[in-house]
Amino acid sequence: MSAPSQTFVATSVIYYSPLDEGAFFAWLDRIDCVARYDGLGSNLTITLSRAPDDGELREFIALFHRYGVDMRQLALFGEGAARAWFRKPSMFWHDAVFGPAEVS
C-alpha cells in the first residue's frame, strides 16, 4: 500500500507579469515529486507523488518564499536527524515554516 499523497495549497499567488506566472508553473514542473497541480478560484492545489528529497524541499522553500505561499505547510518535512539543516533557527525560512524560535 502506498502512502497517501501530500498536497499543498497556494492561495492568491501574485504574478507580476505573464512571464512571471509562466516561471512559477515552469518551476513546479521541474520539481520531480510534483504529481500535478489544479486551480480552483484563487487556490492552486499542488499534489506530490512522494515526500520531497532534500533538493526538492529546498526548491519548495525557494518557490514558496518567492511567491508568498504559506510555508507552514512544509513543516511536516522537518522530522528526523537527516533534516536538522531544515529546522535550524538561523535559516531564513525557519520562522515562516516553524514559527519563531524560542529564546533560552
PDB file of N, CA and C in Angstrom:
ATOM      1  N   MET A   1       0.848  -1.173   0.000  1.00  0.00           N
ATOM      2  CA  MET A   1       0.000   0.000   0.000  1.00  0.00           C
ATOM      3  C   MET A   1       0.894   1.237   0.000  1.00  0.00           C
ATOM      4  N   SER A   2       0.615   2.203  -0.860  1.00  0.00           N
ATOM      5  CA  SER A   2       1.430   3.402  -0.930  1.00  0.00           C
ATOM      6  C   SER A   2       0.931   4.433   0.077  1.00  0.00           C
ATOM      7  N   ALA A   3       1.844   5.320   0.480  1.00  0.00           N
ATOM      8  CA  ALA A   3       1.484   6.381   1.417  1.00  0.00           C
ATOM      9  C   ALA A   3       0.543   7.359   0.727  1.00  0.00           C
ATOM     10  N   PRO A   4      -0.329   7.998   1.499  1.00  0.00           N
ATOM     11  CA  PRO A   4      -1.226   8.972   0.886  1.00  0.00           C
ATOM     12  C   PRO A   4      -0.422  10.132   0.303  1.00  0.00           C
ATOM     13  N   SER A   5      -0.942  10.714  -0.762  1.00  0.00           N
ATOM     14  CA  SER A   5      -0.221  11.820  -1.376  1.00  0.00           C
ATOM     15  C   SER A   5      -0.346  13.066  -0.515  1.00  0.00           C
ATOM     16  N   GLN A   6       0.681  13.855  -0.527  1.00  0.00           N
ATOM     17  CA  GLN A   6       0.725  15.118   0.198  1.00  0.00           C
ATOM     18  C   GLN A   6       0.268  16.229  -0.735  1.00  0.00           C
ATOM     19  N   THR A   7      -0.487  17.154  -0.207  1.00  0.00           N
ATOM     20  CA  THR A   7      -0.895  18.293  -1.028  1.00  0.00           C
ATOM     21  C   THR A   7      -0.548  19.594  -0.326  1.00  0.00           C
ATOM     22  N   PHE A   8      -0.252  20.594  -1.127  1.00  0.00           N
ATOM     23  CA  PHE A   8      -0.055  21.959  -0.670  1.00  0.00           C
ATOM     24  C   PHE A   8      -1.139  22.795  -1.322  1.00  0.00           C
ATOM     25  N   VAL A   9      -1.458  23.908  -0.707  1.00  0.00           N
ATOM     26  CA  VAL A   9      -2.385  24.858  -1.318  1.00  0.00           C
ATOM     27  C   VAL A   9      -1.692  26.209  -1.392  1.00  0.00           C
ATOM     28  N   ALA A  10      -1.631  26.743  -2.597  1.00  0.00           N
ATOM     29  CA  ALA A  10      -1.113  28.091  -2.824  1.00  0.00           C
ATOM     30  C   ALA A  10      -2.328  28.989  -3.039  1.00  0.00           C
ATOM     31  N   THR A  11      -2.503  29.960  -2.172  1.00  0.00           N
ATOM     32  CA  THR A  11      -3.686  30.823  -2.213  1.00  0.00           C
ATOM     33  C   THR A  11      -3.312  32.225  -2.677  1.00  0.00           C
ATOM     34  N   SER A  12      -4.061  32.726  -3.636  1.00  0.00           N
ATOM     35  CA  SER A  12      -3.909  34.109  -4.112  1.00  0.00           C
ATOM     36  C   SER A  12      -2.470  34.472  -4.460  1.00  0.00           C
ATOM     37  N   VAL A  13      -1.811  33.599  -5.194  1.00  0.00           N
ATOM     38  CA  VAL A  13      -0.443  33.881  -5.630  1.00  0.00           C
ATOM     39  C   VAL A  13      -0.477  35.092  -6.561  1.00  0.00           C
ATOM     40  N   ILE A  14       0.441  36.012  -6.337  1.00  0.00           N
ATOM     41  CA  ILE A  14       0.512  37.210  -7.172  1.00  0.00           C
ATOM     42  C   ILE A  14       1.606  37.030  -8.210  1.00  0.00           C
ATOM     43  N   TYR A  15       1.227  37.169  -9.459  1.00  0.00           N
ATOM     44  CA  TYR A  15       2.178  37.127 -10.562  1.00  0.00           C
ATOM     45  C   TYR A  15       2.289  38.554 -11.089  1.00  0.00           C
ATOM     46  N   TYR A  16       3.498  39.006 -11.311  1.00  0.00           N
ATOM     47  CA  TYR A  16       3.705  40.392 -11.717  1.00  0.00           C
ATOM     48  C   TYR A  16       3.704  40.598 -13.224  1.00  0.00           C
ATOM     49  N   SER A  17       3.670  39.509 -13.959  1.00  0.00           N
ATOM     50  CA  SER A  17       3.590  39.591 -15.415  1.00  0.00           C
ATOM     51  C   SER A  17       3.242  38.203 -15.932  1.00  0.00           C
ATOM     52  N   PRO A  18       2.844  38.105 -17.192  1.00  0.00           N
ATOM     53  CA  PRO A  18       2.582  36.772 -17.757  1.00  0.00           C
ATOM     54  C   PRO A  18       3.818  35.855 -17.704  1.00  0.00           C
ATOM     55  N   LEU A  19       5.007  36.407 -17.928  1.00  0.00           N
ATOM     56  CA  LEU A  19       6.212  35.579 -17.856  1.00  0.00           C
ATOM     57  C   LEU A  19       6.499  35.128 -16.426  1.00  0.00           C
ATOM     58  N   ASP A  20       6.160  35.967 -15.447  1.00  0.00           N
ATOM     59  CA  ASP A  20       6.328  35.592 -14.045  1.00  0.00           C
ATOM     60  C   ASP A  20       5.413  34.415 -13.707  1.00  0.00           C
ATOM     61  N   GLU A  21       4.185  34.459 -14.178  1.00  0.00           N
ATOM     62  CA  GLU A  21       3.266  33.336 -13.971  1.00  0.00           C
ATOM     63  C   GLU A  21       3.809  32.078 -14.641  1.00  0.00           C
ATOM     64  N   GLY A  22       4.315  32.227 -15.854  1.00  0.00           N
ATOM     65  CA  GLY A  22       4.902  31.087 -16.555  1.00  0.00           C
ATOM     66  C   GLY A  22       6.094  30.514 -15.802  1.00  0.00           C
ATOM     67  N   ALA A  23       6.891  31.394 -15.194  1.00  0.00           N
ATOM     68  CA  ALA A  23       8.062  30.945 -14.428  1.00  0.00           C
ATOM     69  C   ALA A  23       7.632  30.123 -13.216  1.00  0.00           C
ATOM     70  N   PHE A  24       6.552  30.533 -12.555  1.00  0.00           N
ATOM     71  CA  PHE A  24       6.044  29.788 -11.403  1.00  0.00           C
ATOM     72  C   PHE A  24       5.691  28.355 -11.799  1.00  0.00           C
ATOM     73  N   PHE A  25       4.924  28.219 -12.870  1.00  0.00           N
ATOM     74  CA  PHE A  25       4.499  26.878 -13.280  1.00  0.00           C
ATOM     75  C   PHE A  25       5.642  26.066 -13.882  1.00  0.00           C
ATOM     76  N   ALA A  26       6.564  26.717 -14.572  1.00  0.00           N
ATOM     77  CA  ALA A  26       7.738  26.006 -15.089  1.00  0.00           C
ATOM     78  C   ALA A  26       8.573  25.471 -13.923  1.00  0.00           C
ATOM     79  N   TRP A  27       8.678  26.248 -12.857  1.00  0.00           N
ATOM     80  CA  TRP A  27       9.417  25.825 -11.668  1.00  0.00           C
ATOM     81  C   TRP A  27       8.745  24.604 -11.059  1.00  0.00           C
ATOM     82  N   LEU A  28       7.432  24.648 -10.889  1.00  0.00           N
ATOM     83  CA  LEU A  28       6.714  23.485 -10.366  1.00  0.00           C
ATOM     84  C   LEU A  28       6.945  22.252 -11.234  1.00  0.00           C
ATOM     85  N   ASP A  29       6.915  22.448 -12.549  1.00  0.00           N
ATOM     86  CA  ASP A  29       7.099  21.327 -13.479  1.00  0.00           C
ATOM     87  C   ASP A  29       8.474  20.680 -13.344  1.00  0.00           C
ATOM     88  N   ARG A  30       9.456  21.412 -12.862  1.00  0.00           N
ATOM     89  CA  ARG A  30      10.815  20.879 -12.733  1.00  0.00           C
ATOM     90  C   ARG A  30      11.076  20.175 -11.408  1.00  0.00           C
ATOM     91  N   ILE A  31      10.124  20.229 -10.478  1.00  0.00           N
ATOM     92  CA  ILE A  31      10.282  19.537  -9.191  1.00  0.00           C
ATOM     93  C   ILE A  31       9.694  18.139  -9.360  1.00  0.00           C
ATOM     94  N   ASP A  32      10.574  17.143  -9.349  1.00  0.00           N
ATOM     95  CA  ASP A  32      10.184  15.770  -9.708  1.00  0.00           C
ATOM     96  C   ASP A  32       9.051  15.174  -8.872  1.00  0.00           C
ATOM     97  N   CYS A  33       8.946  15.543  -7.600  1.00  0.00           N
ATOM     98  CA  CYS A  33       7.918  14.923  -6.757  1.00  0.00           C
ATOM     99  C   CYS A  33       6.538  15.554  -6.944  1.00  0.00           C
ATOM    100  N   VAL A  34       6.420  16.583  -7.769  1.00  0.00           N
ATOM    101  CA  VAL A  34       5.105  17.178  -8.044  1.00  0.00           C
ATOM    102  C   VAL A  34       4.377  16.281  -9.042  1.00  0.00           C
ATOM    103  N   ALA A  35       3.253  15.722  -8.606  1.00  0.00           N
ATOM    104  CA  ALA A  35       2.470  14.835  -9.467  1.00  0.00           C
ATOM    105  C   ALA A  35       1.548  15.640 -10.378  1.00  0.00           C
ATOM    106  N   ARG A  36       0.923  16.679  -9.793  1.00  0.00           N
ATOM    107  CA  ARG A  36       0.012  17.521 -10.578  1.00  0.00           C
ATOM    108  C   ARG A  36      -0.316  18.766  -9.777  1.00  0.00           C
ATOM    109  N   TYR A  37      -0.954  19.698 -10.453  1.00  0.00           N
ATOM    110  CA  TYR A  37      -1.491  20.882  -9.780  1.00  0.00           C
ATOM    111  C   TYR A  37      -2.789  21.259 -10.476  1.00  0.00           C
ATOM    112  N   ASP A  38      -3.728  21.741  -9.664  1.00  0.00           N
ATOM    113  CA  ASP A  38      -5.055  22.083 -10.157  1.00  0.00           C
ATOM    114  C   ASP A  38      -5.501  23.378  -9.501  1.00  0.00           C
ATOM    115  N   GLY A  39      -6.046  24.277 -10.295  1.00  0.00           N
ATOM    116  CA  GLY A  39      -6.524  25.541  -9.759  1.00  0.00           C
ATOM    117  C   GLY A  39      -8.031  25.586  -9.681  1.00  0.00           C
ATOM    118  N   LEU A  40      -8.529  26.201  -8.609  1.00  0.00           N
ATOM    119  CA  LEU A  40      -9.949  26.436  -8.449  1.00  0.00           C
ATOM    120  C   LEU A  40     -10.091  27.771  -7.731  1.00  0.00           C
ATOM    121  N   GLY A  41     -10.623  28.758  -8.414  1.00  0.00           N
ATOM    122  CA  GLY A  41     -10.718  30.092  -7.841  1.00  0.00           C
ATOM    123  C   GLY A  41      -9.330  30.646  -7.577  1.00  0.00           C
ATOM    124  N   SER A  42      -9.120  31.128  -6.358  1.00  0.00           N
ATOM    125  CA  SER A  42      -7.808  31.691  -6.022  1.00  0.00           C
ATOM    126  C   SER A  42      -6.867  30.663  -5.413  1.00  0.00           C
ATOM    127  N   ASN A  43      -7.287  29.393  -5.361  1.00  0.00           N
ATOM    128  CA  ASN A  43      -6.458  28.334  -4.777  1.00  0.00           C
ATOM    129  C   ASN A  43      -5.853  27.439  -5.853  1.00  0.00           C
ATOM    130  N   LEU A  44      -4.584  27.137  -5.672  1.00  0.00           N
ATOM    131  CA  LEU A  44      -3.892  26.173  -6.522  1.00  0.00           C
ATOM    132  C   LEU A  44      -3.480  25.017  -5.624  1.00  0.00           C
ATOM    133  N   THR A  45      -3.998  23.828  -5.891  1.00  0.00           N
ATOM    134  CA  THR A  45      -3.629  22.648  -5.120  1.00  0.00           C
ATOM    135  C   THR A  45      -2.485  21.947  -5.833  1.00  0.00           C
ATOM    136  N   ILE A  46      -1.406  21.723  -5.083  1.00  0.00           N
ATOM    137  CA  ILE A  46      -0.207  21.061  -5.610  1.00  0.00           C
ATOM    138  C   ILE A  46      -0.134  19.696  -4.946  1.00  0.00           C
ATOM    139  N   THR A  47      -0.207  18.640  -5.736  1.00  0.00           N
ATOM    140  CA  THR A  47      -0.192  17.277  -5.212  1.00  0.00           C
ATOM    141  C   THR A  47       1.164  16.647  -5.485  1.00  0.00           C
ATOM    142  N   LEU A  48       1.743  16.058  -4.435  1.00  0.00           N
ATOM    143  CA  LEU A  48       3.037  15.392  -4.553  1.00  0.00           C
ATOM    144  C   LEU A  48       2.842  13.894  -4.715  1.00  0.00           C
ATOM    145  N   SER A  49       3.721  13.272  -5.460  1.00  0.00           N
ATOM    146  CA  SER A  49       3.686  11.821  -5.635  1.00  0.00           C
ATOM    147  C   SER A  49       4.386  11.109  -4.483  1.00  0.00           C
ATOM    148  N   ARG A  50       5.237  11.857  -3.770  1.00  0.00           N
ATOM    149  CA  ARG A  50       6.016  11.320  -2.646  1.00  0.00           C
ATOM    150  C   ARG A  50       6.573  12.501  -1.876  1.00  0.00           C
ATOM    151  N   ALA A  51       7.146  12.203  -0.724  1.00  0.00           N
ATOM    152  CA  ALA A  51       7.794  13.261   0.058  1.00  0.00           C
ATOM    153  C   ALA A  51       8.997  13.794  -0.727  1.00  0.00           C
ATOM    154  N   PRO A  52       9.245  15.083  -0.642  1.00  0.00           N
ATOM    155  CA  PRO A  52      10.382  15.643  -1.373  1.00  0.00           C
ATOM    156  C   PRO A  52      11.718  15.232  -0.755  1.00  0.00           C
ATOM    157  N   ASP A  53      12.724  15.025  -1.607  1.00  0.00           N
ATOM    158  CA  ASP A  53      14.073  14.813  -1.097  1.00  0.00           C
ATOM    159  C   ASP A  53      14.627  16.186  -0.702  1.00  0.00           C
ATOM    160  N   ASP A  54      15.857  16.231  -0.195  1.00  0.00           N
ATOM    161  CA  ASP A  54      16.416  17.496   0.286  1.00  0.00           C
ATOM    162  C   ASP A  54      16.464  18.570  -0.802  1.00  0.00           C
ATOM    163  N   GLY A  55      16.877  18.205  -1.989  1.00  0.00           N
ATOM    164  CA  GLY A  55      16.955  19.165  -3.082  1.00  0.00           C
ATOM    165  C   GLY A  55      15.586  19.703  -3.457  1.00  0.00           C
ATOM    166  N   GLU A  56      14.611  18.830  -3.503  1.00  0.00           N
ATOM    167  CA  GLU A  56      13.243  19.252  -3.830  1.00  0.00           C
ATOM    168  C   GLU A  56      12.655  20.123  -2.724  1.00  0.00           C
ATOM    169  N   LEU A  57      12.959  19.780  -1.468  1.00  0.00           N
ATOM    170  CA  LEU A  57      12.489  20.599  -0.354  1.00  0.00           C
ATOM    171  C   LEU A  57      13.086  21.997  -0.447  1.00  0.00           C
ATOM    172  N   ARG A  58      14.362  22.100  -0.804  1.00  0.00           N
ATOM    173  CA  ARG A  58      14.982  23.415  -0.997  1.00  0.00           C
ATOM    174  C   ARG A  58      14.286  24.188  -2.118  1.00  0.00           C
ATOM    175  N   GLU A  59      13.866  23.496  -3.158  1.00  0.00           N
ATOM    176  CA  GLU A  59      13.133  24.165  -4.244  1.00  0.00           C
ATOM    177  C   GLU A  59      11.783  24.683  -3.752  1.00  0.00           C
ATOM    178  N   PHE A  60      11.078  23.888  -2.935  1.00  0.00           N
ATOM    179  CA  PHE A  60       9.807  24.354  -2.381  1.00  0.00           C
ATOM    180  C   PHE A  60      10.016  25.553  -1.458  1.00  0.00           C
ATOM    181  N   ILE A  61      11.073  25.520  -0.647  1.00  0.00           N
ATOM    182  CA  ILE A  61      11.376  26.664   0.213  1.00  0.00           C
ATOM    183  C   ILE A  61      11.531  27.921  -0.645  1.00  0.00           C
ATOM    184  N   ALA A  62      12.342  27.821  -1.686  1.00  0.00           N
ATOM    185  CA  ALA A  62      12.595  28.975  -2.554  1.00  0.00           C
ATOM    186  C   ALA A  62      11.333  29.420  -3.290  1.00  0.00           C
ATOM    187  N   LEU A  63      10.610  28.478  -3.866  1.00  0.00           N
ATOM    188  CA  LEU A  63       9.391  28.795  -4.612  1.00  0.00           C
ATOM    189  C   LEU A  63       8.339  29.434  -3.708  1.00  0.00           C
ATOM    190  N   PHE A  64       8.103  28.822  -2.556  1.00  0.00           N
ATOM    191  CA  PHE A  64       7.095  29.343  -1.643  1.00  0.00           C
ATOM    192  C   PHE A  64       7.495  30.715  -1.117  1.00  0.00           C
ATOM    193  N   HIS A  65       8.767  30.894  -0.800  1.00  0.00           N
ATOM    194  CA  HIS A  65       9.249  32.194  -0.326  1.00  0.00           C
ATOM    195  C   HIS A  65       9.071  33.247  -1.413  1.00  0.00           C
ATOM    196  N   ARG A  66       9.496  32.936  -2.611  1.00  0.00           N
ATOM    197  CA  ARG A  66       9.436  33.887  -3.727  1.00  0.00           C
ATOM    198  C   ARG A  66       8.011  34.318  -4.059  1.00  0.00           C
ATOM    199  N   TYR A  67       7.068  33.375  -4.023  1.00  0.00           N
ATOM    200  CA  TYR A  67       5.700  33.663  -4.435  1.00  0.00           C
ATOM    201  C   TYR A  67       4.723  33.830  -3.270  1.00  0.00           C
ATOM    202  N   GLY A  68       5.217  33.873  -2.047  1.00  0.00           N
ATOM    203  CA  GLY A  68       4.359  34.145  -0.903  1.00  0.00           C
ATOM    204  C   GLY A  68       3.388  33.044  -0.541  1.00  0.00           C
ATOM    205  N   VAL A  69       3.746  31.798  -0.839  1.00  0.00           N
ATOM    206  CA  VAL A  69       2.899  30.658  -0.481  1.00  0.00           C
ATOM    207  C   VAL A  69       3.146  30.327   0.994  1.00  0.00           C
ATOM    208  N   ASP A  70       2.102  29.952   1.712  1.00  0.00           N
ATOM    209  CA  ASP A  70       2.198  29.636   3.136  1.00  0.00           C
ATOM    210  C   ASP A  70       3.237  28.537   3.367  1.00  0.00           C
ATOM    211  N   MET A  71       4.344  28.920   3.984  1.00  0.00           N
ATOM    212  CA  MET A  71       5.456  27.987   4.174  1.00  0.00           C
ATOM    213  C   MET A  71       5.245  27.033   5.341  1.00  0.00           C
ATOM    214  N   ARG A  72       4.252  27.293   6.198  1.00  0.00           N
ATOM    215  CA  ARG A  72       3.987  26.375   7.313  1.00  0.00           C
ATOM    216  C   ARG A  72       3.644  24.978   6.818  1.00  0.00           C
ATOM    217  N   GLN A  73       3.191  24.879   5.594  1.00  0.00           N
ATOM    218  CA  GLN A  73       2.849  23.579   5.007  1.00  0.00           C
ATOM    219  C   GLN A  73       4.062  22.665   4.886  1.00  0.00           C
ATOM    220  N   LEU A  74       5.252  23.250   4.891  1.00  0.00           N
ATOM    221  CA  LEU A  74       6.486  22.466   4.734  1.00  0.00           C
ATOM    222  C   LEU A  74       6.963  21.850   6.042  1.00  0.00           C
ATOM    223  N   ALA A  75       6.422  22.276   7.178  1.00  0.00           N
ATOM    224  CA  ALA A  75       6.910  21.842   8.485  1.00  0.00           C
ATOM    225  C   ALA A  75       6.906  20.324   8.656  1.00  0.00           C
ATOM    226  N   LEU A  76       5.946  19.646   8.059  1.00  0.00           N
ATOM    227  CA  LEU A  76       5.869  18.193   8.245  1.00  0.00           C
ATOM    228  C   LEU A  76       7.077  17.465   7.664  1.00  0.00           C
ATOM    229  N   PHE A  77       7.858  18.134   6.828  1.00  0.00           N
ATOM    230  CA  PHE A  77       9.050  17.501   6.261  1.00  0.00           C
ATOM    231  C   PHE A  77      10.300  17.756   7.100  1.00  0.00           C
ATOM    232  N   GLY A  78      10.131  18.282   8.313  1.00  0.00           N
ATOM    233  CA  GLY A  78      11.265  18.591   9.181  1.00  0.00           C
ATOM    234  C   GLY A  78      11.606  17.514  10.179  1.00  0.00           C
ATOM    235  N   GLU A  79      11.005  16.356  10.074  1.00  0.00           N
ATOM    236  CA  GLU A  79      11.240  15.274  11.031  1.00  0.00           C
ATOM    237  C   GLU A  79      12.577  14.575  10.794  1.00  0.00           C
ATOM    238  N   GLY A  80      13.164  14.077  11.869  1.00  0.00           N
ATOM    239  CA  GLY A  80      14.340  13.221  11.777  1.00  0.00           C
ATOM    240  C   GLY A  80      15.670  13.966  11.754  1.00  0.00           C
ATOM    241  N   ALA A  81      16.710  13.224  12.094  1.00  0.00           N
ATOM    242  CA  ALA A  81      18.061  13.790  12.173  1.00  0.00           C
ATOM    243  C   ALA A  81      18.551  14.285  10.819  1.00  0.00           C
ATOM    244  N   ALA A  82      18.143  13.613   9.745  1.00  0.00           N
ATOM    245  CA  ALA A  82      18.625  13.989   8.415  1.00  0.00           C
ATOM    246  C   ALA A  82      18.115  15.365   7.991  1.00  0.00           C
ATOM    247  N   ARG A  83      17.066  15.846   8.605  1.00  0.00           N
ATOM    248  CA  ARG A  83      16.505  17.156   8.238  1.00  0.00           C
ATOM    249  C   ARG A  83      16.836  18.236   9.275  1.00  0.00           C
ATOM    250  N   ALA A  84      17.887  18.011  10.077  1.00  0.00           N
ATOM    251  CA  ALA A  84      18.299  19.024  11.059  1.00  0.00           C
ATOM    252  C   ALA A  84      18.631  20.343  10.367  1.00  0.00           C
ATOM    253  N   TRP A  85      19.182  20.282   9.156  1.00  0.00           N
ATOM    254  CA  TRP A  85      19.504  21.503   8.404  1.00  0.00           C
ATOM    255  C   TRP A  85      18.249  22.351   8.169  1.00  0.00           C
ATOM    256  N   PHE A  86      17.126  21.686   7.977  1.00  0.00           N
ATOM    257  CA  PHE A  86      15.867  22.358   7.678  1.00  0.00           C
ATOM    258  C   PHE A  86      15.291  23.052   8.913  1.00  0.00           C
ATOM    259  N   ARG A  87      15.547  22.500  10.102  1.00  0.00           N
ATOM    260  CA  ARG A  87      14.986  23.029  11.344  1.00  0.00           C
ATOM    261  C   ARG A  87      15.874  24.067  12.022  1.00  0.00           C
ATOM    262  N   LYS A  88      17.035  24.367  11.471  1.00  0.00           N
ATOM    263  CA  LYS A  88      17.959  25.319  12.110  1.00  0.00           C
ATOM    264  C   LYS A  88      17.296  26.696  12.254  1.00  0.00           C
ATOM    265  N   PRO A  89      17.250  27.215  13.485  1.00  0.00           N
ATOM    266  CA  PRO A  89      16.633  28.527  13.702  1.00  0.00           C
ATOM    267  C   PRO A  89      17.323  29.672  12.957  1.00  0.00           C
ATOM    268  N   SER A  90      18.565  29.505  12.573  1.00  0.00           N
ATOM    269  CA  SER A  90      19.296  30.575  11.876  1.00  0.00           C
ATOM    270  C   SER A  90      18.946  30.670  10.382  1.00  0.00           C
ATOM    271  N   MET A  91      18.214  29.706   9.857  1.00  0.00           N
ATOM    272  CA  MET A  91      17.886  29.719   8.438  1.00  0.00           C
ATOM    273  C   MET A  91      16.771  30.723   8.161  1.00  0.00           C
ATOM    274  N   PHE A  92      16.831  31.391   7.009  1.00  0.00           N
ATOM    275  CA  PHE A  92      15.883  32.466   6.709  1.00  0.00           C
ATOM    276  C   PHE A  92      14.433  31.999   6.715  1.00  0.00           C
ATOM    277  N   TRP A  93      14.197  30.742   6.464  1.00  0.00           N
ATOM    278  CA  TRP A  93      12.825  30.237   6.376  1.00  0.00           C
ATOM    279  C   TRP A  93      12.266  29.745   7.699  1.00  0.00           C
ATOM    280  N   HIS A  94      13.107  29.618   8.716  1.00  0.00           N
ATOM    281  CA  HIS A  94      12.693  28.955   9.955  1.00  0.00           C
ATOM    282  C   HIS A  94      11.394  29.513  10.524  1.00  0.00           C
ATOM    283  N   ASP A  95      11.320  30.819  10.739  1.00  0.00           N
ATOM    284  CA  ASP A  95      10.125  31.389  11.355  1.00  0.00           C
ATOM    285  C   ASP A  95       8.885  31.208  10.484  1.00  0.00           C
ATOM    286  N   ALA A  96       9.052  31.311   9.176  1.00  0.00           N
ATOM    287  CA  ALA A  96       7.914  31.157   8.265  1.00  0.00           C
ATOM    288  C   ALA A  96       7.392  29.719   8.248  1.00  0.00           C
ATOM    289  N   VAL A  97       8.270  28.745   8.495  1.00  0.00           N
ATOM    290  CA  VAL A  97       7.878  27.334   8.472  1.00  0.00           C
ATOM    291  C   VAL A  97       7.458  26.849   9.850  1.00  0.00           C
ATOM    292  N   PHE A  98       8.276  27.131  10.861  1.00  0.00           N
ATOM    293  CA  PHE A  98       8.082  26.547  12.193  1.00  0.00           C
ATOM    294  C   PHE A  98       7.599  27.541  13.252  1.00  0.00           C
ATOM    295  N   GLY A  99       7.546  28.824  12.922  1.00  0.00           N
ATOM    296  CA  GLY A  99       7.229  29.850  13.915  1.00  0.00           C
ATOM    297  C   GLY A  99       8.517  30.346  14.546  1.00  0.00           C
ATOM    298  N   PRO A 100       8.430  31.429  15.309  1.00  0.00           N
ATOM    299  CA  PRO A 100       9.640  31.991  15.912  1.00  0.00           C
ATOM    300  C   PRO A 100      10.339  30.992  16.833  1.00  0.00           C
ATOM    301  N   ALA A 101      11.664  30.995  16.756  1.00  0.00           N
ATOM    302  CA  ALA A 101      12.457  30.112  17.623  1.00  0.00           C
ATOM    303  C   ALA A 101      12.359  30.603  19.052  1.00  0.00           C
ATOM    304  N   GLU A 102      12.301  29.664  19.992  1.00  0.00           N
ATOM    305  CA  GLU A 102      12.255  30.030  21.407  1.00  0.00           C
ATOM    306  C   GLU A 102      13.630  30.488  21.847  1.00  0.00           C
ATOM    307  N   VAL A 103      13.655  31.566  22.596  1.00  0.00           N
ATOM    308  CA  VAL A 103      14.916  32.098  23.121  1.00  0.00           C
ATOM    309  C   VAL A 103      15.087  31.562  24.530  1.00  0.00           C
ATOM    310  N   SER A 104      16.293  30.985  24.801  1.00  0.00           N
ATOM    311  CA  SER A 104      16.535  30.462  26.145  1.00  0.00           C
ATOM    312  C   SER A 104      17.321  31.428  26.964  1.00  0.00           C
TER     313      SER A 104
END
